[in-house]
Amino acid sequence: MQALSHLLDAAGADRYRLAVADGAQRVARRITSAGRPFTGISPARLADDIDAIDLDHPLGDTTAALDELDRVYLRDAVYFHHPRYLAHLNCPVVVPALLGETVLSAVNSSLDTWDQSAGGTLIERRLIDWTAARIDLGPLADGVFTSGGTQSNVHALMLARDEALDRFACPADQLRVFASEYAHFSVTKAAKLLGLAEDAVISVPGTADRRMSPEALQRSLDACRQAGLVPMAVVATAGTTDFGSIDPLPQLADLCRRTGVWLHVDAAYGCGLLVSRRRRLLDGIERADSVTVDYHKSFFQPVSSSAVLVRDRAVLRHATYHADYLNPKRAAEEQIPNQVDKSPQTTRRFDALKLWLTLRIMGPDAVGALFDAVVDLADAGWRILDADPRFEVLVRPQLSTLVFRFVTAESQADAANLYARRAIAESGEAMVASTVVDGRHYLKLTLLNPRTTVDDVSAVLDLLAQHAETYLGSSLVAA
């Protein structure tokens, strides 16, 4: 049967080796030759090419399929490795992690039970212990890998919800979650997924440096209790998506300790500080009840690679369900390490292998040096923006994000900045992001590539200014 020849087994090992080598060579050629991060192709144009492919009639040949893939994907992919990709929280990835990706995809372990993963289970557990030690969560800490920061936040808040329900024996619609106005949108999404009230998430005002105000949090907690509601959790952010700001963790931890409220720290972005010379910026994180980390943001790992960690492993029981065919109770009694006992997921990739090989080949200090390089670059970028009369920059960054806007008459500022962002993307010369702050549109550079230079940042700013000025000139002519 011809289909059997496509299986990865002893008979198909040579086919696998040649196909993967061919694919890797093509990617390497694209990365080597890419002179810009994006081609600027429109969705409609690319959709026409992809829609024209007849999936019911295979090409029957690896080379032909890769030629086609080059045309419909590799040619127009957004390449995060390029030094002028400055948009979202996407990092270039290190080669040891890609080696891990190749191995884990081929072996295809599922990390739900020991009898499907064996060594993979123990490697993941060892990495959770290593991360918990870096955070200093204490001897009872535990956790599990997840698909990303959103799932980690949902998981942590599920544990906080169930702990609160056990403790207070109240209806779920009385529970409230407190997060900075700059917290990640996944906090609100988590509340919805967890069946909490529509207004369960209380937005806590921030300070001028875009960090949660402890005084405002205290007032919100007091108002919550006076209304007969139950504070379920405080979500502190160590690296907001827009500003890279880190909430005042020691003060928030003090407040949560006094009031008996669960403290979750979303360090999806800021977790790179765990291996950085700036580790002090995370002081207070060790007092959290749960922590989110995204290795695929600031440890330079391919997606997905994330984890949720808890101070007390006993709370993970809220994610535990036993199935006789998979993880029967007797397995727990026999101390068989089934990771599904900790996770809402069943089938789960061995994403931990990527971080494992990164640490074993590079080591944590080398990863930290890469993260420190982009934080240093962001500070240099802030100085450039602060001195440039063409732009207004909002906050001096703690991490590697810069939020700014081209300065012009207020009536035209939003349109000019949005035009500049769209025009630079369509040119393919650079990729930047945008956001809304206090009702106004701003541009955003997220610097996660250690090969990006100050010259790259300056050149991108010049391009943005040129596009904004082009828009203003066109508007003037039209008027």
Protein backbone atom coordinates (compact mmCIF):
# COMPACT_ATOMS: atom_id res chain seq x y z
CA MET A 1 0.00 0.00 0.00
CA GLN A 2 1.61 3.27 -1.12
CA ALA A 3 0.26 5.27 1.82
CA LEU A 4 2.44 3.21 4.18
CA SER A 5 5.56 4.67 2.61
CA HIS A 6 4.71 8.05 4.16
CA LEU A 7 4.77 6.77 7.75
CA LEU A 8 7.74 7.59 9.96
CA ASP A 9 8.94 4.15 10.95
CA ALA A 10 11.96 2.02 10.17
CA ALA A 11 10.99 1.83 6.50
CA GLY A 12 10.32 5.56 6.24
CA ALA A 13 13.32 6.88 8.17
CA ASP A 14 15.31 7.81 5.06
CA ARG A 15 12.31 9.59 3.52
CA TYR A 16 11.91 11.53 6.78
CA ARG A 17 15.56 12.55 6.89
CA LEU A 18 15.59 13.78 3.28
CA ALA A 19 12.24 15.60 3.50
CA VAL A 20 13.16 17.43 6.71
CA ALA A 21 16.57 18.35 5.32
CA ASP A 22 14.97 19.76 2.17
CA GLY A 23 12.46 21.77 4.20
CA ALA A 24 15.16 23.08 6.54
CA GLN A 25 17.35 24.14 3.61
CA ARG A 26 14.49 26.11 2.07
CA VAL A 27 13.74 27.89 5.33
CA ALA A 28 17.43 28.68 5.79
CA ARG A 29 17.60 30.12 2.27
CA ARG A 30 14.56 32.30 2.91
CA ILE A 31 15.92 33.57 6.21
CA THR A 32 19.32 34.25 4.68
CA SER A 33 17.91 36.13 1.70
CA ALA A 34 15.06 38.02 3.37
CA GLY A 35 15.93 41.70 3.01
CA ARG A 36 12.83 42.81 4.89
CA PRO A 37 10.52 41.24 7.48
CA PHE A 38 7.46 41.11 5.20
CA THR A 39 6.58 41.35 1.54
CA GLY A 40 3.57 43.55 2.22
CA ILE A 41 1.23 41.22 0.34
CA SER A 42 -2.49 41.86 0.82
CA PRO A 43 -4.82 39.24 2.35
CA ALA A 44 -6.96 39.17 -0.80
CA ARG A 45 -4.06 38.48 -3.12
CA LEU A 46 -2.64 35.67 -1.02
CA ALA A 47 -6.08 34.16 -0.47
CA ASP A 48 -6.56 33.81 -4.21
CA ASP A 49 -3.40 31.69 -4.48
CA ILE A 50 -4.35 29.45 -1.56
CA ASP A 51 -8.01 29.09 -2.53
CA ALA A 52 -6.96 27.88 -5.98
CA ILE A 53 -5.23 24.80 -4.55
CA ASP A 54 -7.20 21.57 -4.89
CA LEU A 55 -6.62 19.65 -1.67
CA ASP A 56 -8.36 16.56 -3.02
CA HIS A 57 -5.64 16.08 -5.65
CA PRO A 58 -2.22 15.67 -4.03
CA LEU A 59 0.98 16.54 -5.83
CA GLY A 60 2.44 13.18 -4.84
CA ASP A 61 5.93 14.57 -4.62
CA THR A 62 7.76 16.22 -1.72
CA THR A 63 9.77 18.58 -3.91
CA ALA A 64 6.66 19.79 -5.73
CA ALA A 65 4.81 20.30 -2.44
CA LEU A 66 7.70 22.30 -0.99
CA ASP A 67 7.91 24.38 -4.16
CA GLU A 68 4.22 25.18 -3.76
CA LEU A 69 4.67 25.91 -0.03
CA ASP A 70 7.45 28.34 -0.86
CA ARG A 71 5.00 30.26 -3.03
CA VAL A 72 1.99 30.27 -0.70
CA TYR A 73 3.74 30.53 2.68
CA LEU A 74 7.51 30.95 2.92
CA ARG A 75 7.70 33.76 0.36
CA ASP A 76 5.23 35.97 2.27
CA ALA A 77 5.72 34.82 5.85
CA VAL A 78 6.35 37.47 8.48
CA TYR A 79 9.91 36.77 9.60
CA PHE A 80 10.44 37.55 13.27
CA HIS A 81 14.17 36.96 12.92
CA HIS A 82 14.54 40.13 10.85
CA PRO A 83 16.00 43.04 12.85
CA ARG A 84 13.27 45.40 11.66
CA TYR A 85 10.39 43.26 12.85
CA LEU A 86 9.43 45.44 15.82
CA ALA A 87 5.71 44.75 16.19
CA HIS A 88 4.37 42.18 18.63
CA LEU A 89 5.72 39.95 21.39
CA ASN A 90 7.33 37.57 18.91
CA CYS A 91 10.97 36.71 19.35
CA PRO A 92 13.55 35.18 17.04
CA VAL A 93 14.24 31.63 18.20
CA VAL A 94 17.46 29.92 19.21
CA VAL A 95 18.76 26.95 17.27
CA PRO A 96 18.87 24.53 20.26
CA ALA A 97 15.13 25.03 20.69
CA LEU A 98 14.53 24.33 17.00
CA LEU A 99 16.49 21.12 17.40
CA GLY A 100 14.15 20.24 20.23
CA GLU A 101 11.14 21.04 18.03
CA THR A 102 12.41 18.66 15.36
CA VAL A 103 12.93 15.84 17.85
CA LEU A 104 9.68 16.26 19.76
CA SER A 105 7.57 16.47 16.59
CA ALA A 106 9.06 13.26 15.19
CA VAL A 107 8.87 11.19 18.37
CA ASN A 108 5.44 12.74 19.07
CA SER A 109 5.26 12.01 22.79
CA SER A 110 2.07 13.01 24.55
CA LEU A 111 2.78 14.47 27.96
CA ASP A 112 -0.49 13.48 29.60
CA THR A 113 0.57 10.13 31.08
CA TRP A 114 3.80 8.40 32.01
CA ASP A 115 3.09 5.45 29.74
CA GLN A 116 3.04 7.82 26.74
CA SER A 117 6.06 9.95 27.58
CA ALA A 118 8.36 8.40 30.21
CA GLY A 119 11.50 10.58 30.16
CA GLY A 120 9.53 13.48 28.74
CA THR A 121 7.40 13.56 31.90
CA LEU A 122 10.48 13.78 34.11
CA ILE A 123 12.17 16.42 31.92
CA GLU A 124 9.07 18.63 32.10
CA ARG A 125 8.87 18.18 35.87
CA ARG A 126 12.55 19.03 36.25
CA LEU A 127 12.08 22.25 34.25
CA ILE A 128 9.07 23.22 36.37
CA ASP A 129 11.20 22.71 39.49
CA TRP A 130 14.01 24.78 37.93
CA THR A 131 11.65 27.64 37.08
CA ALA A 132 10.00 27.54 40.50
CA ALA A 133 13.45 27.74 42.09
CA ARG A 134 14.32 30.75 39.92
CA ILE A 135 11.11 32.39 41.13
CA ASP A 136 11.81 31.17 44.70
CA LEU A 137 8.27 29.89 45.21
CA GLY A 138 9.30 27.48 47.96
CA PRO A 139 9.50 23.73 48.58
CA LEU A 140 5.84 22.97 47.83
CA ALA A 141 5.82 24.62 44.41
CA ASP A 142 4.71 22.83 41.27
CA GLY A 143 3.20 23.53 37.88
CA VAL A 144 2.77 22.33 34.34
CA PHE A 145 3.54 23.46 30.79
CA THR A 146 0.76 25.09 28.80
CA SER A 147 0.12 26.39 25.29
CA GLY A 148 0.69 30.04 26.20
CA GLY A 149 0.03 32.91 28.56
CA THR A 150 -3.72 32.92 28.00
CA GLN A 151 -4.07 29.27 28.99
CA SER A 152 -1.73 29.78 31.94
CA ASN A 153 -3.82 32.71 33.17
CA VAL A 154 -7.07 30.79 32.74
CA HIS A 155 -5.57 27.82 34.59
CA ALA A 156 -4.32 29.96 37.48
CA LEU A 157 -7.62 31.78 37.87
CA MET A 158 -9.50 28.48 37.77
CA LEU A 159 -7.44 27.36 40.75
CA ALA A 160 -8.05 30.69 42.50
CA ARG A 161 -11.80 30.40 41.81
CA ASP A 162 -12.07 26.91 43.23
CA GLU A 163 -10.00 27.81 46.27
CA ALA A 164 -12.33 30.77 46.91
CA LEU A 165 -15.45 28.65 46.44
CA ASP A 166 -14.11 26.08 48.91
CA ARG A 167 -13.15 28.77 51.40
CA PHE A 168 -16.17 31.07 51.23
CA ALA A 169 -18.93 28.70 50.04
CA CYS A 170 -20.43 31.53 48.00
CA PRO A 171 -22.02 31.58 44.53
CA ALA A 172 -19.52 32.04 41.72
CA ASP A 173 -21.26 35.22 40.57
CA GLN A 174 -20.16 36.92 43.81
CA LEU A 175 -16.46 36.44 43.06
CA ARG A 176 -14.38 39.36 41.81
CA VAL A 177 -10.95 39.57 40.15
CA PHE A 178 -8.79 42.70 40.33
CA ALA A 179 -6.36 43.61 37.58
CA SER A 180 -4.65 46.74 36.35
CA GLU A 181 -6.27 48.68 33.53
CA TYR A 182 -3.17 47.63 31.54
CA ALA A 183 -3.49 43.89 32.28
CA HIS A 184 -3.72 41.35 29.48
CA PHE A 185 -7.15 40.79 27.92
CA SER A 186 -6.93 37.10 28.85
CA VAL A 187 -7.89 38.01 32.43
CA THR A 188 -11.34 39.11 31.24
CA LYS A 189 -11.52 36.14 28.89
CA ALA A 190 -10.67 33.81 31.77
CA ALA A 191 -13.48 35.22 33.90
CA LYS A 192 -15.95 34.54 31.11
CA LEU A 193 -14.67 31.01 30.51
CA LEU A 194 -14.81 30.29 34.24
CA GLY A 195 -18.46 31.22 34.50
CA LEU A 196 -17.99 34.34 36.60
CA ALA A 197 -20.26 37.37 36.41
CA GLU A 198 -20.00 39.70 33.40
CA ASP A 199 -18.58 42.42 35.65
CA ALA A 200 -16.35 40.06 37.61
CA VAL A 201 -13.08 41.75 36.59
CA ILE A 202 -12.50 45.05 38.38
CA SER A 203 -10.16 47.34 36.47
CA VAL A 204 -7.77 49.01 38.90
CA PRO A 205 -6.41 52.42 37.85
CA GLY A 206 -2.73 52.73 37.12
CA THR A 207 -0.14 55.33 37.96
CA ALA A 208 1.58 57.68 35.53
CA ASP A 209 4.18 55.00 34.80
CA ARG A 210 1.41 52.58 33.75
CA ARG A 211 1.64 50.33 36.84
CA MET A 212 -1.17 49.24 39.12
CA SER A 213 -1.76 51.64 42.00
CA PRO A 214 -1.70 49.81 45.38
CA GLU A 215 -3.82 52.59 46.89
CA ALA A 216 -6.43 52.21 44.14
CA LEU A 217 -6.39 48.44 44.65
CA GLN A 218 -7.02 48.88 48.38
CA ARG A 219 -10.00 51.12 47.66
CA SER A 220 -11.37 48.60 45.14
CA LEU A 221 -11.02 45.72 47.60
CA ASP A 222 -12.76 47.71 50.32
CA ALA A 223 -15.62 48.66 47.98
CA CYS A 224 -15.97 45.04 46.90
CA ARG A 225 -16.42 43.80 50.45
CA GLN A 226 -18.77 46.64 51.35
CA ALA A 227 -20.96 45.55 48.43
CA GLY A 228 -21.14 42.03 49.86
CA LEU A 229 -18.91 40.57 47.14
CA VAL A 230 -15.89 38.29 47.51
CA PRO A 231 -12.39 39.20 46.28
CA MET A 232 -11.18 36.06 44.48
CA ALA A 233 -7.79 37.11 43.10
CA VAL A 234 -5.51 40.01 42.32
CA VAL A 235 -3.70 39.73 38.98
CA ALA A 236 -0.42 41.64 38.95
CA THR A 237 1.41 42.02 35.66
CA ALA A 238 5.18 41.69 35.31
CA GLY A 239 5.50 43.09 31.81
CA THR A 240 2.34 44.60 30.35
CA THR A 241 1.79 44.00 26.65
CA ASP A 242 1.59 47.67 25.75
CA PHE A 243 4.18 49.21 28.05
CA GLY A 244 6.33 46.42 29.47
CA SER A 245 5.57 47.88 32.88
CA ILE A 246 5.89 45.82 36.05
CA ASP A 247 3.33 46.30 38.78
CA PRO A 248 4.72 47.05 42.29
CA LEU A 249 4.89 43.40 43.32
CA PRO A 250 6.11 43.82 46.93
CA GLN A 251 3.33 46.25 47.81
CA LEU A 252 0.68 44.16 46.08
CA ALA A 253 1.95 41.05 47.85
CA ASP A 254 1.71 42.84 51.20
CA LEU A 255 -1.86 43.86 50.46
CA CYS A 256 -2.89 40.38 49.35
CA ARG A 257 -1.29 38.82 52.41
CA ARG A 258 -3.14 41.21 54.76
CA THR A 259 -6.48 40.67 53.06
CA GLY A 260 -6.14 36.96 52.33
CA VAL A 261 -6.58 37.32 48.56
CA TRP A 262 -4.92 35.04 45.99
CA LEU A 263 -2.08 36.81 44.15
CA HIS A 264 -1.45 35.77 40.56
CA VAL A 265 1.50 37.30 38.71
CA ASP A 266 1.25 37.32 34.93
CA ALA A 267 4.94 37.29 34.01
CA ALA A 268 4.40 36.02 30.48
CA TYR A 269 6.58 38.83 29.12
CA GLY A 270 8.77 39.63 32.11
CA CYS A 271 9.85 36.07 32.88
CA GLY A 272 13.08 36.69 30.97
CA LEU A 273 14.17 38.66 34.02
CA LEU A 274 14.54 35.34 35.85
CA VAL A 275 17.81 34.81 33.96
CA SER A 276 18.73 38.48 33.61
CA ARG A 277 21.07 40.81 35.43
CA ARG A 278 17.88 42.78 36.16
CA ARG A 279 16.35 40.00 38.29
CA ARG A 280 15.64 42.56 41.04
CA LEU A 281 12.79 43.97 38.92
CA LEU A 282 10.83 40.83 39.80
CA ASP A 283 11.30 41.20 43.55
CA GLY A 284 8.04 40.19 45.20
CA ILE A 285 7.12 37.56 42.62
CA GLU A 286 8.28 34.89 45.06
CA ARG A 287 5.24 35.73 47.23
CA ALA A 288 2.70 34.95 44.51
CA ASP A 289 0.23 32.08 44.79
CA SER A 290 0.53 31.45 41.05
CA VAL A 291 2.72 32.69 38.21
CA THR A 292 2.46 32.65 34.41
CA VAL A 293 5.66 32.42 32.37
CA ASP A 294 6.01 32.44 28.59
CA TYR A 295 9.33 31.01 27.47
CA HIS A 296 8.27 31.74 23.87
CA LYS A 297 8.40 35.46 24.59
CA SER A 298 11.59 36.18 26.48
CA PHE A 299 13.49 32.86 26.50
CA PHE A 300 13.63 32.88 22.67
CA GLN A 301 11.67 29.66 22.26
CA PRO A 302 9.38 28.68 19.37
CA VAL A 303 5.67 28.77 20.13
CA SER A 304 4.29 27.22 22.08
CA SER A 305 6.26 27.13 25.32
CA SER A 306 4.63 28.40 28.48
CA ALA A 307 3.91 27.27 32.02
CA VAL A 308 1.79 28.02 35.05
CA LEU A 309 3.37 27.58 38.47
CA VAL A 310 1.82 27.52 41.94
CA ARG A 311 3.22 28.02 45.42
CA ASP A 312 1.33 25.03 46.85
CA ARG A 313 1.02 21.97 44.66
CA ALA A 314 -2.08 20.88 46.57
CA VAL A 315 -4.18 23.43 44.69
CA LEU A 316 -3.54 21.59 41.43
CA ARG A 317 -6.11 19.05 42.62
CA HIS A 318 -8.76 21.33 41.13
CA ALA A 319 -7.56 20.25 37.68
CA THR A 320 -7.48 16.55 38.55
CA TYR A 321 -9.93 14.05 37.08
CA HIS A 322 -9.36 10.32 36.89
CA ALA A 323 -10.32 8.16 33.94
CA ASP A 324 -9.95 4.40 34.22
CA TYR A 325 -8.54 4.12 30.70
CA LEU A 326 -5.96 6.87 31.19
CA ASN A 327 -5.00 7.89 34.73
CA PRO A 328 -6.91 5.73 37.20
CA LYS A 329 -6.75 6.61 40.90
CA ARG A 330 -4.57 3.58 41.55
CA ALA A 331 -1.85 5.21 39.41
CA ALA A 332 -1.75 8.18 41.76
CA GLU A 333 -1.64 5.84 44.74
CA GLU A 334 1.32 4.06 43.11
CA GLN A 335 3.00 7.47 42.58
CA ILE A 336 3.07 7.15 38.81
CA PRO A 337 3.76 10.68 37.49
CA ASN A 338 0.86 11.47 35.18
CA GLN A 339 0.99 15.15 34.17
CA VAL A 340 -2.68 15.09 33.13
CA ASP A 341 -3.44 15.10 36.86
CA LYS A 342 -2.30 18.75 36.90
CA SER A 343 -3.59 20.04 33.59
CA PRO A 344 -6.93 20.80 31.92
CA GLN A 345 -5.36 19.45 28.72
CA THR A 346 -5.14 15.76 27.90
CA THR A 347 -3.00 15.30 24.79
CA ARG A 348 -0.13 17.76 25.16
CA ARG A 349 3.08 18.33 23.21
CA PHE A 350 6.51 17.83 24.74
CA ASP A 351 7.24 21.56 24.46
CA ALA A 352 9.52 21.35 27.48
CA LEU A 353 12.16 19.65 25.34
CA LYS A 354 12.89 22.92 23.54
CA LEU A 355 13.74 24.72 26.76
CA TRP A 356 15.65 21.70 28.03
CA LEU A 357 18.00 21.65 25.04
CA THR A 358 18.35 25.43 25.21
CA LEU A 359 19.53 25.24 28.81
CA ARG A 360 21.75 22.23 28.19
CA ILE A 361 23.45 23.77 25.12
CA MET A 362 23.40 27.53 25.86
CA GLY A 363 22.71 27.80 29.57
CA PRO A 364 20.51 30.31 31.38
CA ASP A 365 23.13 33.07 31.49
CA ALA A 366 23.33 33.16 27.70
CA VAL A 367 19.53 33.41 27.44
CA GLY A 368 19.59 36.20 30.00
CA ALA A 369 22.24 38.06 28.03
CA LEU A 370 19.96 38.01 24.96
CA PHE A 371 17.08 39.41 26.97
CA ASP A 372 19.27 42.06 28.59
CA ALA A 373 20.39 43.15 25.12
CA VAL A 374 16.85 43.99 24.02
CA VAL A 375 16.09 45.78 27.29
CA ASP A 376 19.25 47.85 26.81
CA LEU A 377 18.16 48.61 23.26
CA ALA A 378 14.73 49.78 24.43
CA ASP A 379 16.32 52.22 26.83
CA ALA A 380 18.50 53.58 24.03
CA GLY A 381 15.40 53.82 21.85
CA TRP A 382 13.59 55.77 24.54
CA ARG A 383 16.43 58.30 24.67
CA ILE A 384 16.23 58.72 20.89
CA LEU A 385 12.47 59.27 20.98
CA ASP A 386 12.63 61.57 23.98
CA ALA A 387 15.09 63.81 22.13
CA ASP A 388 13.22 63.76 18.79
CA PRO A 389 10.68 66.61 18.42
CA ARG A 390 8.81 64.62 15.76
CA PHE A 391 7.57 62.15 18.36
CA GLU A 392 5.97 61.98 21.77
CA VAL A 393 7.01 58.96 23.88
CA LEU A 394 4.84 58.00 26.83
CA VAL A 395 6.83 55.94 29.35
CA ARG A 396 10.46 55.07 29.90
CA PRO A 397 10.40 51.27 29.53
CA GLN A 398 11.20 48.75 32.23
CA LEU A 399 11.40 46.01 29.61
CA SER A 400 11.62 46.31 25.82
CA THR A 401 8.49 48.11 24.63
CA LEU A 402 8.21 51.72 23.43
CA VAL A 403 4.86 53.49 22.99
CA PHE A 404 4.96 56.77 21.07
CA ARG A 405 3.24 58.80 18.38
CA PHE A 406 4.11 61.18 15.58
CA VAL A 407 3.28 64.71 16.73
CA THR A 408 0.98 66.85 14.63
CA ALA A 409 -2.29 68.72 15.00
CA GLU A 410 -4.56 66.69 17.27
CA SER A 411 -7.30 66.55 14.65
CA GLN A 412 -4.98 64.67 12.28
CA ALA A 413 -2.70 62.81 14.71
CA ASP A 414 -4.65 59.54 14.93
CA ALA A 415 -5.07 59.24 11.17
CA ALA A 416 -1.43 60.16 10.47
CA ASN A 417 -0.08 57.56 12.90
CA LEU A 418 -2.39 54.82 11.65
CA TYR A 419 -1.45 55.64 8.07
CA ALA A 420 2.27 55.50 8.90
CA ARG A 421 1.88 52.07 10.48
CA ARG A 422 -0.10 50.69 7.54
CA ALA A 423 2.24 52.20 4.95
CA ILE A 424 5.40 50.81 6.52
CA ALA A 425 3.81 47.34 6.69
CA GLU A 426 2.69 47.48 3.07
CA SER A 427 6.20 48.46 2.03
CA GLY A 428 7.56 45.46 3.93
CA GLU A 429 10.49 47.55 5.17
CA ALA A 430 9.56 47.14 8.82
CA MET A 431 6.74 45.95 11.06
CA VAL A 432 5.51 47.99 14.02
CA ALA A 433 2.42 47.68 16.18
CA SER A 434 -0.20 50.13 17.36
CA THR A 435 -2.39 50.58 20.40
CA VAL A 436 -4.86 53.01 21.92
CA VAL A 437 -3.98 54.97 25.06
CA ASP A 438 -6.47 57.35 26.67
CA GLY A 439 -8.55 57.24 23.50
CA ARG A 440 -5.70 58.20 21.16
CA HIS A 441 -3.81 56.03 18.67
CA TYR A 442 -0.15 55.36 19.36
CA LEU A 443 2.59 53.38 17.64
CA LYS A 444 4.51 50.68 19.45
CA LEU A 445 7.91 49.06 19.06
CA THR A 446 8.32 45.69 20.77
CA LEU A 447 12.04 44.99 20.77
CA LEU A 448 12.78 41.29 21.17
CA ASN A 449 15.54 40.75 18.61
CA PRO A 450 19.07 41.05 20.02
CA ARG A 451 20.37 41.69 16.49
CA THR A 452 18.26 44.84 16.14
CA THR A 453 20.51 47.88 16.49
CA VAL A 454 20.06 51.51 17.45
CA ASP A 455 20.53 52.30 13.75
CA ASP A 456 17.60 50.01 12.91
CA VAL A 457 15.40 51.80 15.43
CA SER A 458 16.41 55.21 14.09
CA ALA A 459 15.79 54.14 10.50
CA VAL A 460 12.32 52.83 11.33
CA LEU A 461 11.46 56.07 13.13
CA ASP A 462 12.57 58.04 10.08
CA LEU A 463 10.38 55.89 7.83
CA LEU A 464 7.37 56.34 10.12
CA ALA A 465 7.88 60.10 10.15
CA GLN A 466 8.16 60.16 6.36
CA HIS A 467 4.93 58.20 5.94
CA ALA A 468 3.11 60.43 8.43
CA GLU A 469 4.33 63.52 6.61
CA THR A 470 3.21 62.02 3.29
CA TYR A 471 -0.26 61.53 4.76
CA LEU A 472 -0.37 65.11 6.03
CA GLY A 473 0.78 66.42 2.66
CA SER A 474 -1.89 64.40 0.87
CA SER A 475 -4.53 65.65 3.30
CA LEU A 476 -3.49 69.22 2.68
CA VAL A 477 -3.70 68.76 -1.11
CA ALA A 478 -7.10 67.10 -0.80
CA ALA A 479 -8.33 69.98 1.38
